[in-house]
């Protein structure tokens, strides 16, 4: 009996050590891949420096990705000494990254809340914050979905919904509209209304929570969700695939204003700070309005 126990313990110890060894090996591979990626990034930065380019880190809301890459290409053509590096994601996630110390020279948010937070924390360069464009919340579906949904008021008729979480501006605007319609109860902080609460308010409809508006769009285009809420600008280029069921009135959501600002970056060189300021000025100029309008943004902003 003692021999059996001893043998069992030895076997368990051997398995545990093997598992630990495997875990360490996986960690080692991951660390190696991470180091290689960092080295590659460093090499690219060194190459840019050698080419005499000034790199500017621009954090943009996911719904701005296409238009900003277009504007970035225009700007770089006229300013070949500047390289614009765009990071696109939900405004909430980008805010967190800036707070955690990620290198960022410019922040272009899909809502005022995230920009207000940075301003309160003293992370914005004074005098550079400007409101640039307005957008509009939309309820969308695939053209061949055959959905019974006609808009926000009939979301309960959907088989499945793609919805951004409350920390994402488009998710927050959706929740605000549902509160305005009386579908959701009033809440002091709309971003804290969970996806589960939204589902329950809609009679238990299945909701696929997404981390940014681009992923909501993808879920609808791919057909994994019957309907979703995005911005009007996100429908650009997808006209053949999707149908807009409703452009949600501003009296339900309020204006969907996108502010931009230069961010305090203590690690930025003098040249990077200067070029970041110039690019913010370019984005806010009349020269960009036609491009923003092309991507379905409203440039009539006070």
C-alpha atoms as a PDB file:
ATOM      1  CA  UNK A   1       0.000   0.000   0.000  1.00  0.00           C
ATOM      2  CA  UNK A   2       2.833   2.397   0.929  1.00  0.00           C
ATOM      3  CA  UNK A   3       4.617   1.497  -2.306  1.00  0.00           C
ATOM      4  CA  UNK A   4       1.442   2.245  -4.250  1.00  0.00           C
ATOM      5  CA  UNK A   5       1.061   5.658  -2.574  1.00  0.00           C
ATOM      6  CA  UNK A   6       4.712   6.494  -3.073  1.00  0.00           C
ATOM      7  CA  UNK A   7       4.492   5.520  -6.732  1.00  0.00           C
ATOM      8  CA  UNK A   8       1.353   7.582  -7.210  1.00  0.00           C
ATOM      9  CA  UNK A   9       2.963  10.608  -5.571  1.00  0.00           C
ATOM     10  CA  UNK A  10       6.034  10.229  -7.745  1.00  0.00           C
ATOM     11  CA  UNK A  11       3.872  10.017 -10.839  1.00  0.00           C
ATOM     12  CA  UNK A  12       1.881  13.116  -9.855  1.00  0.00           C
ATOM     13  CA  UNK A  13       5.100  15.010  -9.133  1.00  0.00           C
ATOM     14  CA  UNK A  14       6.482  14.003 -12.524  1.00  0.00           C
ATOM     15  CA  UNK A  15       3.314  15.182 -14.309  1.00  0.00           C
ATOM     16  CA  UNK A  16       3.349  18.477 -12.406  1.00  0.00           C
ATOM     17  CA  UNK A  17       6.998  19.100 -13.258  1.00  0.00           C
ATOM     18  CA  UNK A  18       6.340  18.258 -16.888  1.00  0.00           C
ATOM     19  CA  UNK A  19       3.368  20.650 -16.947  1.00  0.00           C
ATOM     20  CA  UNK A  20       5.449  23.395 -15.323  1.00  0.00           C
ATOM     21  CA  UNK A  21       8.192  22.784 -17.823  1.00  0.00           C
ATOM     22  CA  UNK A  22       5.662  23.045 -20.657  1.00  0.00           C
ATOM     23  CA  UNK A  23       4.259  26.271 -19.213  1.00  0.00           C
ATOM     24  CA  UNK A  24       7.744  27.722 -18.881  1.00  0.00           C
ATOM     25  CA  UNK A  25       8.499  26.722 -22.450  1.00  0.00           C
ATOM     26  CA  UNK A  26       5.308  28.435 -23.662  1.00  0.00           C
ATOM     27  CA  UNK A  27       6.139  31.536 -21.629  1.00  0.00           C
ATOM     28  CA  UNK A  28       9.640  31.505 -23.083  1.00  0.00           C
ATOM     29  CA  UNK A  29       8.278  31.306 -26.640  1.00  0.00           C
ATOM     30  CA  UNK A  30       5.811  34.118 -25.930  1.00  0.00           C
ATOM     31  CA  UNK A  31       8.562  36.257 -24.403  1.00  0.00           C
ATOM     32  CA  UNK A  32      10.794  35.575 -27.393  1.00  0.00           C
ATOM     33  CA  UNK A  33       8.045  36.524 -29.844  1.00  0.00           C
ATOM     34  CA  UNK A  34       7.292  39.669 -27.834  1.00  0.00           C
ATOM     35  CA  UNK A  35      10.988  40.604 -27.761  1.00  0.00           C
ATOM     36  CA  UNK A  36      11.290  40.015 -31.504  1.00  0.00           C
ATOM     37  CA  UNK A  37       8.237  42.242 -32.126  1.00  0.00           C
ATOM     38  CA  UNK A  38       9.704  44.981 -29.918  1.00  0.00           C
ATOM     39  CA  UNK A  39      13.049  44.718 -31.705  1.00  0.00           C
ATOM     40  CA  UNK A  40      11.324  44.934 -35.082  1.00  0.00           C
ATOM     41  CA  UNK A  41       9.387  47.999 -33.931  1.00  0.00           C
ATOM     42  CA  UNK A  42      12.600  49.584 -32.649  1.00  0.00           C
ATOM     43  CA  UNK A  43      14.321  48.874 -35.970  1.00  0.00           C
ATOM     44  CA  UNK A  44      11.471  50.529 -37.857  1.00  0.00           C
ATOM     45  CA  UNK A  45      11.702  53.585 -35.603  1.00  0.00           C
ATOM     46  CA  UNK A  46      15.464  53.749 -36.124  1.00  0.00           C
ATOM     47  CA  UNK A  47      14.952  53.479 -39.887  1.00  0.00           C
ATOM     48  CA  UNK A  48      12.425  56.322 -39.795  1.00  0.00           C
ATOM     49  CA  UNK A  49      14.860  58.427 -37.799  1.00  0.00           C
ATOM     50  CA  UNK A  50      17.582  57.615 -40.303  1.00  0.00           C
ATOM     51  CA  UNK A  51      15.241  58.656 -43.120  1.00  0.00           C
ATOM     52  CA  UNK A  52      14.756  61.973 -41.336  1.00  0.00           C
ATOM     53  CA  UNK A  53      11.078  61.348 -40.543  1.00  0.00           C
ATOM     54  CA  UNK A  54       9.329  62.584 -37.425  1.00  0.00           C
ATOM     55  CA  UNK A  55       6.907  59.980 -36.072  1.00  0.00           C
ATOM     56  CA  UNK A  56       3.589  61.104 -34.558  1.00  0.00           C
ATOM     57  CA  UNK A  57       1.434  58.638 -32.591  1.00  0.00           C
ATOM     58  CA  UNK A  58      -2.276  59.235 -33.250  1.00  0.00           C
ATOM     59  CA  UNK A  59      -4.952  57.394 -31.227  1.00  0.00           C
ATOM     60  CA  UNK A  60      -8.318  57.427 -33.016  1.00  0.00           C
ATOM     61  CA  UNK A  61     -11.768  55.997 -32.288  1.00  0.00           C
ATOM     62  CA  UNK A  62     -12.436  52.864 -34.356  1.00  0.00           C
ATOM     63  CA  UNK A  63     -15.105  54.658 -36.412  1.00  0.00           C
ATOM     64  CA  UNK A  64     -12.454  57.158 -37.570  1.00  0.00           C
ATOM     65  CA  UNK A  65      -9.980  54.595 -38.880  1.00  0.00           C
ATOM     66  CA  UNK A  66     -10.791  54.853 -42.598  1.00  0.00           C
ATOM     67  CA  UNK A  67     -11.168  58.613 -42.822  1.00  0.00           C
ATOM     68  CA  UNK A  68      -8.050  59.273 -40.744  1.00  0.00           C
ATOM     69  CA  UNK A  69      -5.913  56.931 -42.823  1.00  0.00           C
ATOM     70  CA  UNK A  70      -7.136  58.835 -45.891  1.00  0.00           C
ATOM     71  CA  UNK A  71      -6.360  62.209 -44.298  1.00  0.00           C
ATOM     72  CA  UNK A  72      -3.053  60.867 -43.016  1.00  0.00           C
ATOM     73  CA  UNK A  73      -1.996  59.883 -46.532  1.00  0.00           C
ATOM     74  CA  UNK A  74      -2.933  63.343 -47.782  1.00  0.00           C
ATOM     75  CA  UNK A  75      -0.937  65.000 -45.010  1.00  0.00           C
ATOM     76  CA  UNK A  76       2.148  62.813 -45.442  1.00  0.00           C
ATOM     77  CA  UNK A  77       2.166  63.523 -49.175  1.00  0.00           C
ATOM     78  CA  UNK A  78       2.442  67.236 -48.421  1.00  0.00           C
ATOM     79  CA  UNK A  79       4.744  66.642 -45.435  1.00  0.00           C
ATOM     80  CA  UNK A  80       7.112  63.786 -46.370  1.00  0.00           C
ATOM     81  CA  UNK A  81       9.240  64.343 -43.268  1.00  0.00           C
ATOM     82  CA  UNK A  82       6.302  63.223 -41.073  1.00  0.00           C
ATOM     83  CA  UNK A  83       5.142  59.664 -40.417  1.00  0.00           C
ATOM     84  CA  UNK A  84       1.694  59.304 -38.811  1.00  0.00           C
ATOM     85  CA  UNK A  85       1.155  56.088 -36.852  1.00  0.00           C
ATOM     86  CA  UNK A  86      -2.532  55.381 -36.214  1.00  0.00           C
ATOM     87  CA  UNK A  87      -3.870  53.243 -33.371  1.00  0.00           C
ATOM     88  CA  UNK A  88      -7.627  52.612 -33.784  1.00  0.00           C
ATOM     89  CA  UNK A  89      -9.861  51.119 -31.087  1.00  0.00           C
ATOM     90  CA  UNK A  90     -12.736  52.059 -28.808  1.00  0.00           C
ATOM     91  CA  UNK A  91     -12.310  55.480 -27.199  1.00  0.00           C
ATOM     92  CA  UNK A  92     -12.573  53.876 -23.763  1.00  0.00           C
ATOM     93  CA  UNK A  93      -9.738  51.441 -24.422  1.00  0.00           C
ATOM     94  CA  UNK A  94      -7.551  54.169 -25.925  1.00  0.00           C
ATOM     95  CA  UNK A  95      -8.195  56.347 -22.868  1.00  0.00           C
ATOM     96  CA  UNK A  96      -7.020  53.524 -20.609  1.00  0.00           C
ATOM     97  CA  UNK A  97      -3.871  53.039 -22.688  1.00  0.00           C
ATOM     98  CA  UNK A  98      -3.015  56.742 -22.464  1.00  0.00           C
ATOM     99  CA  UNK A  99      -3.565  56.654 -18.699  1.00  0.00           C
ATOM    100  CA  UNK A 100      -1.260  53.629 -18.496  1.00  0.00           C
ATOM    101  CA  UNK A 101       1.529  55.544 -20.206  1.00  0.00           C
ATOM    102  CA  UNK A 102       1.340  54.400 -23.829  1.00  0.00           C
ATOM    103  CA  UNK A 103       3.142  56.804 -26.175  1.00  0.00           C
ATOM    104  CA  UNK A 104       0.435  59.047 -27.642  1.00  0.00           C
ATOM    105  CA  UNK A 105       0.720  62.489 -29.235  1.00  0.00           C
ATOM    106  CA  UNK A 106      -2.869  63.003 -30.419  1.00  0.00           C
ATOM    107  CA  UNK A 107      -6.214  61.618 -29.227  1.00  0.00           C
ATOM    108  CA  UNK A 108      -9.314  61.764 -31.458  1.00  0.00           C
ATOM    109  CA  UNK A 109     -12.283  60.458 -29.482  1.00  0.00           C
ATOM    110  CA  UNK A 110     -15.824  59.458 -30.473  1.00  0.00           C
ATOM    111  CA  UNK A 111     -17.237  61.113 -27.349  1.00  0.00           C
ATOM    112  CA  UNK A 112     -16.584  63.963 -24.945  1.00  0.00           C
ATOM    113  CA  UNK A 113     -16.464  61.775 -21.832  1.00  0.00           C
ATOM    114  CA  UNK A 114     -13.034  60.270 -22.520  1.00  0.00           C
ATOM    115  CA  UNK A 115     -11.576  63.624 -23.519  1.00  0.00           C
ATOM    116  CA  UNK A 116     -13.045  65.252 -20.396  1.00  0.00           C
ATOM    117  CA  UNK A 117     -11.292  62.629 -18.265  1.00  0.00           C
ATOM    118  CA  UNK A 118      -7.894  63.365 -19.829  1.00  0.00           C
ATOM    119  CA  UNK A 119      -8.440  67.097 -19.455  1.00  0.00           C
ATOM    120  CA  UNK A 120      -9.306  66.695 -15.763  1.00  0.00           C
ATOM    121  CA  UNK A 121      -6.098  64.687 -15.329  1.00  0.00           C
ATOM    122  CA  UNK A 122      -4.025  67.413 -16.993  1.00  0.00           C
ATOM    123  CA  UNK A 123      -3.022  65.194 -19.917  1.00  0.00           C
ATOM    124  CA  UNK A 124      -4.155  67.502 -22.749  1.00  0.00           C
ATOM    125  CA  UNK A 125      -2.002  70.230 -24.272  1.00  0.00           C
ATOM    126  CA  UNK A 126      -3.773  73.471 -23.398  1.00  0.00           C
ATOM    127  CA  UNK A 127      -5.557  75.198 -26.259  1.00  0.00           C
ATOM    128  CA  UNK A 128      -5.478  72.224 -28.682  1.00  0.00           C
ATOM    129  CA  UNK A 129      -8.829  70.603 -27.897  1.00  0.00           C
ATOM    130  CA  UNK A 130     -11.411  71.114 -30.663  1.00  0.00           C
ATOM    131  CA  UNK A 131     -14.736  69.567 -31.712  1.00  0.00           C
ATOM    132  CA  UNK A 132     -14.321  68.285 -35.277  1.00  0.00           C
ATOM    133  CA  UNK A 133     -17.300  66.284 -36.572  1.00  0.00           C
ATOM    134  CA  UNK A 134     -20.735  64.968 -35.658  1.00  0.00           C
ATOM    135  CA  UNK A 135     -22.026  61.455 -36.339  1.00  0.00           C
ATOM    136  CA  UNK A 136     -25.336  59.609 -36.028  1.00  0.00           C
ATOM    137  CA  UNK A 137     -26.338  56.347 -34.375  1.00  0.00           C
ATOM    138  CA  UNK A 138     -27.855  53.795 -36.759  1.00  0.00           C
ATOM    139  CA  UNK A 139     -29.588  50.430 -36.473  1.00  0.00           C
ATOM    140  CA  UNK A 140     -28.289  48.164 -39.237  1.00  0.00           C
ATOM    141  CA  UNK A 141     -28.813  44.666 -40.641  1.00  0.00           C
ATOM    142  CA  UNK A 142     -27.663  42.580 -43.595  1.00  0.00           C
ATOM    143  CA  UNK A 143     -29.703  43.256 -46.724  1.00  0.00           C
ATOM    144  CA  UNK A 144     -30.771  39.606 -46.890  1.00  0.00           C
ATOM    145  CA  UNK A 145     -31.526  39.165 -43.166  1.00  0.00           C
ATOM    146  CA  UNK A 146     -35.317  39.354 -43.441  1.00  0.00           C
ATOM    147  CA  UNK A 147     -35.408  40.880 -39.942  1.00  0.00           C
ATOM    148  CA  UNK A 148     -38.636  42.113 -38.371  1.00  0.00           C
ATOM    149  CA  UNK A 149     -36.730  44.936 -36.687  1.00  0.00           C
ATOM    150  CA  UNK A 150     -37.447  48.426 -38.015  1.00  0.00           C
ATOM    151  CA  UNK A 151     -35.414  50.410 -35.482  1.00  0.00           C
ATOM    152  CA  UNK A 152     -34.634  50.803 -31.799  1.00  0.00           C
ATOM    153  CA  UNK A 153     -38.290  50.515 -30.728  1.00  0.00           C
ATOM    154  CA  UNK A 154     -38.566  47.018 -32.222  1.00  0.00           C
ATOM    155  CA  UNK A 155     -35.151  45.638 -31.199  1.00  0.00           C
ATOM    156  CA  UNK A 156     -36.984  43.071 -29.072  1.00  0.00           C
ATOM    157  CA  UNK A 157     -38.076  41.396 -32.322  1.00  0.00           C
ATOM    158  CA  UNK A 158     -34.470  40.586 -33.259  1.00  0.00           C
ATOM    159  CA  UNK A 159     -33.139  37.041 -33.056  1.00  0.00           C
ATOM    160  CA  UNK A 160     -29.707  38.401 -32.119  1.00  0.00           C
ATOM    161  CA  UNK A 161     -28.081  41.803 -31.630  1.00  0.00           C
ATOM    162  CA  UNK A 162     -24.468  42.982 -31.829  1.00  0.00           C
ATOM    163  CA  UNK A 163     -23.931  45.700 -29.230  1.00  0.00           C
ATOM    164  CA  UNK A 164     -20.838  47.510 -27.995  1.00  0.00           C
ATOM    165  CA  UNK A 165     -20.319  47.507 -24.237  1.00  0.00           C
ATOM    166  CA  UNK A 166     -21.141  50.588 -22.193  1.00  0.00           C
ATOM    167  CA  UNK A 167     -17.577  51.937 -22.056  1.00  0.00           C
ATOM    168  CA  UNK A 168     -17.586  52.277 -25.857  1.00  0.00           C
ATOM    169  CA  UNK A 169     -19.222  55.534 -27.042  1.00  0.00           C
ATOM    170  CA  UNK A 170     -21.528  53.833 -29.569  1.00  0.00           C
ATOM    171  CA  UNK A 171     -22.644  51.446 -26.821  1.00  0.00           C
ATOM    172  CA  UNK A 172     -23.270  54.348 -24.488  1.00  0.00           C
ATOM    173  CA  UNK A 173     -25.253  56.295 -27.114  1.00  0.00           C
ATOM    174  CA  UNK A 174     -27.373  53.194 -27.757  1.00  0.00           C
ATOM    175  CA  UNK A 175     -28.131  52.893 -24.064  1.00  0.00           C
ATOM    176  CA  UNK A 176     -28.971  56.600 -23.875  1.00  0.00           C
ATOM    177  CA  UNK A 177     -31.439  56.246 -26.764  1.00  0.00           C
ATOM    178  CA  UNK A 178     -33.071  53.216 -25.125  1.00  0.00           C
ATOM    179  CA  UNK A 179     -33.428  55.191 -21.886  1.00  0.00           C
ATOM    180  CA  UNK A 180     -34.969  58.081 -23.839  1.00  0.00           C
ATOM    181  CA  UNK A 181     -37.498  55.647 -25.324  1.00  0.00           C
ATOM    182  CA  UNK A 182     -38.351  54.236 -21.889  1.00  0.00           C
ATOM    183  CA  UNK A 183     -37.034  50.785 -22.784  1.00  0.00           C
ATOM    184  CA  UNK A 184     -34.247  51.062 -20.222  1.00  0.00           C
ATOM    185  CA  UNK A 185     -34.641  52.720 -16.800  1.00  0.00           C
ATOM    186  CA  UNK A 186     -32.817  55.962 -15.993  1.00  0.00           C
ATOM    187  CA  UNK A 187     -29.242  55.521 -14.787  1.00  0.00           C
ATOM    188  CA  UNK A 188     -26.724  57.955 -13.309  1.00  0.00           C
ATOM    189  CA  UNK A 189     -23.925  56.386 -15.357  1.00  0.00           C
ATOM    190  CA  UNK A 190     -25.155  54.944 -18.661  1.00  0.00           C
ATOM    191  CA  UNK A 191     -21.845  53.198 -19.300  1.00  0.00           C
ATOM    192  CA  UNK A 192     -22.545  50.917 -16.330  1.00  0.00           C
ATOM    193  CA  UNK A 193     -25.755  49.500 -17.799  1.00  0.00           C
ATOM    194  CA  UNK A 194     -24.659  45.959 -18.521  1.00  0.00           C
ATOM    195  CA  UNK A 195     -25.340  44.031 -21.700  1.00  0.00           C
ATOM    196  CA  UNK A 196     -27.339  41.559 -19.595  1.00  0.00           C
ATOM    197  CA  UNK A 197     -29.608  44.389 -18.386  1.00  0.00           C
ATOM    198  CA  UNK A 198     -30.156  45.532 -21.977  1.00  0.00           C
ATOM    199  CA  UNK A 199     -31.045  41.964 -22.989  1.00  0.00           C
ATOM    200  CA  UNK A 200     -33.531  41.625 -20.125  1.00  0.00           C
ATOM    201  CA  UNK A 201     -35.158  44.958 -21.035  1.00  0.00           C
ATOM    202  CA  UNK A 202     -35.606  43.646 -24.577  1.00  0.00           C
ATOM    203  CA  UNK A 203     -37.303  40.437 -23.424  1.00  0.00           C
ATOM    204  CA  UNK A 204     -34.217  38.254 -23.219  1.00  0.00           C
ATOM    205  CA  UNK A 205     -32.980  38.687 -26.798  1.00  0.00           C
ATOM    206  CA  UNK A 206     -29.512  37.262 -27.448  1.00  0.00           C
ATOM    207  CA  UNK A 207     -26.859  40.000 -27.439  1.00  0.00           C
ATOM    208  CA  UNK A 208     -23.273  39.609 -28.637  1.00  0.00           C
ATOM    209  CA  UNK A 209     -21.186  42.145 -26.721  1.00  0.00           C
ATOM    210  CA  UNK A 210     -18.425  43.773 -28.788  1.00  0.00           C
ATOM    211  CA  UNK A 211     -15.421  45.842 -27.715  1.00  0.00           C
ATOM    212  CA  UNK A 212     -15.687  48.493 -30.436  1.00  0.00           C
ATOM    213  CA  UNK A 213     -17.962  49.692 -33.219  1.00  0.00           C
ATOM    214  CA  UNK A 214     -15.927  48.034 -35.987  1.00  0.00           C
ATOM    215  CA  UNK A 215     -16.549  44.638 -34.402  1.00  0.00           C
ATOM    216  CA  UNK A 216     -20.283  45.366 -34.208  1.00  0.00           C
ATOM    217  CA  UNK A 217     -20.261  46.134 -37.922  1.00  0.00           C
ATOM    218  CA  UNK A 218     -18.302  42.969 -38.699  1.00  0.00           C
ATOM    219  CA  UNK A 219     -20.747  40.818 -36.704  1.00  0.00           C
ATOM    220  CA  UNK A 220     -23.671  42.127 -38.764  1.00  0.00           C
ATOM    221  CA  UNK A 221     -21.870  41.953 -42.120  1.00  0.00           C
ATOM    222  CA  UNK A 222     -20.779  38.357 -41.407  1.00  0.00           C
ATOM    223  CA  UNK A 223     -24.311  37.428 -40.350  1.00  0.00           C
ATOM    224  CA  UNK A 224     -23.399  36.241 -36.862  1.00  0.00           C
ATOM    225  CA  UNK A 225     -25.795  38.890 -35.473  1.00  0.00           C
ATOM    226  CA  UNK A 226     -29.088  39.843 -37.119  1.00  0.00           C
ATOM    227  CA  UNK A 227     -28.919  43.548 -36.244  1.00  0.00           C
ATOM    228  CA  UNK A 228     -26.528  45.957 -34.561  1.00  0.00           C
ATOM    229  CA  UNK A 229     -26.035  49.602 -33.670  1.00  0.00           C
ATOM    230  CA  UNK A 230     -23.195  51.497 -35.338  1.00  0.00           C
ATOM    231  CA  UNK A 231     -22.520  55.011 -36.550  1.00  0.00           C
ATOM    232  CA  UNK A 232     -23.666  56.276 -39.939  1.00  0.00           C
ATOM    233  CA  UNK A 233     -20.005  56.713 -40.937  1.00  0.00           C
ATOM    234  CA  UNK A 234     -19.389  52.991 -40.396  1.00  0.00           C
ATOM    235  CA  UNK A 235     -21.768  52.148 -43.222  1.00  0.00           C
ATOM    236  CA  UNK A 236     -19.425  53.786 -45.755  1.00  0.00           C
ATOM    237  CA  UNK A 237     -18.217  51.196 -48.252  1.00  0.00           C
ATOM    238  CA  UNK A 238     -20.658  48.577 -46.934  1.00  0.00           C
ATOM    239  CA  UNK A 239     -23.715  49.759 -48.845  1.00  0.00           C
ATOM    240  CA  UNK A 240     -23.902  46.557 -50.899  1.00  0.00           C
ATOM    241  CA  UNK A 241     -23.959  44.386 -47.767  1.00  0.00           C
ATOM    242  CA  UNK A 242     -26.030  46.208 -45.181  1.00  0.00           C
ATOM    243  CA  UNK A 243     -29.282  48.085 -44.813  1.00  0.00           C
ATOM    244  CA  UNK A 244     -29.853  51.004 -42.458  1.00  0.00           C
ATOM    245  CA  UNK A 245     -33.079  50.282 -40.579  1.00  0.00           C
ATOM    246  CA  UNK A 246     -33.070  53.574 -38.678  1.00  0.00           C
ATOM    247  CA  UNK A 247     -30.992  56.702 -38.330  1.00  0.00           C
ATOM    248  CA  UNK A 248     -31.637  57.417 -34.672  1.00  0.00           C
ATOM    249  CA  UNK A 249     -32.809  61.017 -34.087  1.00  0.00           C
ATOM    250  CA  UNK A 250     -30.478  63.316 -32.167  1.00  0.00           C
ATOM    251  CA  UNK A 251     -33.236  64.043 -29.638  1.00  0.00           C
ATOM    252  CA  UNK A 252     -32.766  60.460 -28.395  1.00  0.00           C
ATOM    253  CA  UNK A 253     -28.954  60.415 -28.292  1.00  0.00           C
ATOM    254  CA  UNK A 254     -27.875  64.036 -28.270  1.00  0.00           C
ATOM    255  CA  UNK A 255     -25.169  65.114 -30.706  1.00  0.00           C
ATOM    256  CA  UNK A 256     -22.431  62.544 -31.354  1.00  0.00           C
ATOM    257  CA  UNK A 257     -19.511  64.957 -31.280  1.00  0.00           C
ATOM    258  CA  UNK A 258     -15.907  63.846 -31.915  1.00  0.00           C
ATOM    259  CA  UNK A 259     -13.257  65.968 -30.152  1.00  0.00           C
ATOM    260  CA  UNK A 260      -9.529  65.957 -30.936  1.00  0.00           C
ATOM    261  CA  UNK A 261      -6.598  67.167 -28.831  1.00  0.00           C
ATOM    262  CA  UNK A 262      -2.847  67.006 -28.593  1.00  0.00           C
ATOM    263  CA  UNK A 263      -1.796  64.875 -25.627  1.00  0.00           C
ATOM    264  CA  UNK A 264       1.003  65.641 -23.191  1.00  0.00           C
ATOM    265  CA  UNK A 265       3.776  63.190 -24.060  1.00  0.00           C
ATOM    266  CA  UNK A 266       6.847  63.687 -21.886  1.00  0.00           C
ATOM    267  CA  UNK A 267       8.854  61.268 -24.027  1.00  0.00           C
ATOM    268  CA  UNK A 268       8.175  63.119 -27.288  1.00  0.00           C
ATOM    269  CA  UNK A 269      10.958  65.127 -28.915  1.00  0.00           C
ATOM    270  CA  UNK A 270      10.537  68.821 -29.679  1.00  0.00           C
ATOM    271  CA  UNK A 271      10.042  67.938 -33.357  1.00  0.00           C
ATOM    272  CA  UNK A 272       7.327  65.383 -32.499  1.00  0.00           C
ATOM    273  CA  UNK A 273       5.481  67.893 -30.319  1.00  0.00           C
ATOM    274  CA  UNK A 274       5.634  70.488 -33.092  1.00  0.00           C
ATOM    275  CA  UNK A 275       4.435  68.098 -35.799  1.00  0.00           C
ATOM    276  CA  UNK A 276       1.613  66.773 -33.591  1.00  0.00           C
ATOM    277  CA  UNK A 277       0.324  70.328 -33.117  1.00  0.00           C
ATOM    278  CA  UNK A 278       0.465  70.938 -36.874  1.00  0.00           C
ATOM    279  CA  UNK A 279      -1.477  67.768 -37.650  1.00  0.00           C
ATOM    280  CA  UNK A 280      -4.214  68.667 -35.143  1.00  0.00           C
ATOM    281  CA  UNK A 281      -4.502  72.055 -36.854  1.00  0.00           C
ATOM    282  CA  UNK A 282      -4.765  70.320 -40.228  1.00  0.00           C
ATOM    283  CA  UNK A 283      -7.531  67.967 -39.044  1.00  0.00           C
ATOM    284  CA  UNK A 284      -9.490  70.949 -37.709  1.00  0.00           C
ATOM    285  CA  UNK A 285      -9.083  73.005 -40.893  1.00  0.00           C
ATOM    286  CA  UNK A 286     -11.543  73.529 -43.735  1.00  0.00           C
ATOM    287  CA  UNK A 287      -9.204  71.494 -45.972  1.00  0.00           C
ATOM    288  CA  UNK A 288     -10.434  68.241 -44.398  1.00  0.00           C
ATOM    289  CA  UNK A 289     -14.184  68.850 -44.495  1.00  0.00           C
ATOM    290  CA  UNK A 290     -14.746  67.349 -47.919  1.00  0.00           C
ATOM    291  CA  UNK A 291     -12.971  64.142 -46.913  1.00  0.00           C
ATOM    292  CA  UNK A 292     -14.939  63.846 -43.656  1.00  0.00           C
ATOM    293  CA  UNK A 293     -18.185  64.347 -45.583  1.00  0.00           C
ATOM    294  CA  UNK A 294     -17.138  61.658 -48.081  1.00  0.00           C
ATOM    295  CA  UNK A 295     -17.063  59.200 -45.167  1.00  0.00           C
ATOM    296  CA  UNK A 296     -20.558  60.305 -43.983  1.00  0.00           C
ATOM    297  CA  UNK A 297     -19.447  62.580 -41.130  1.00  0.00           C
ATOM    298  CA  UNK A 298     -21.289  65.840 -40.478  1.00  0.00           C
ATOM    299  CA  UNK A 299     -18.829  68.747 -40.384  1.00  0.00           C
ATOM    300  CA  UNK A 300     -21.373  71.341 -39.179  1.00  0.00           C
ATOM    301  CA  UNK A 301     -20.064  71.471 -35.623  1.00  0.00           C
ATOM    302  CA  UNK A 302     -19.894  74.503 -33.342  1.00  0.00           C
END
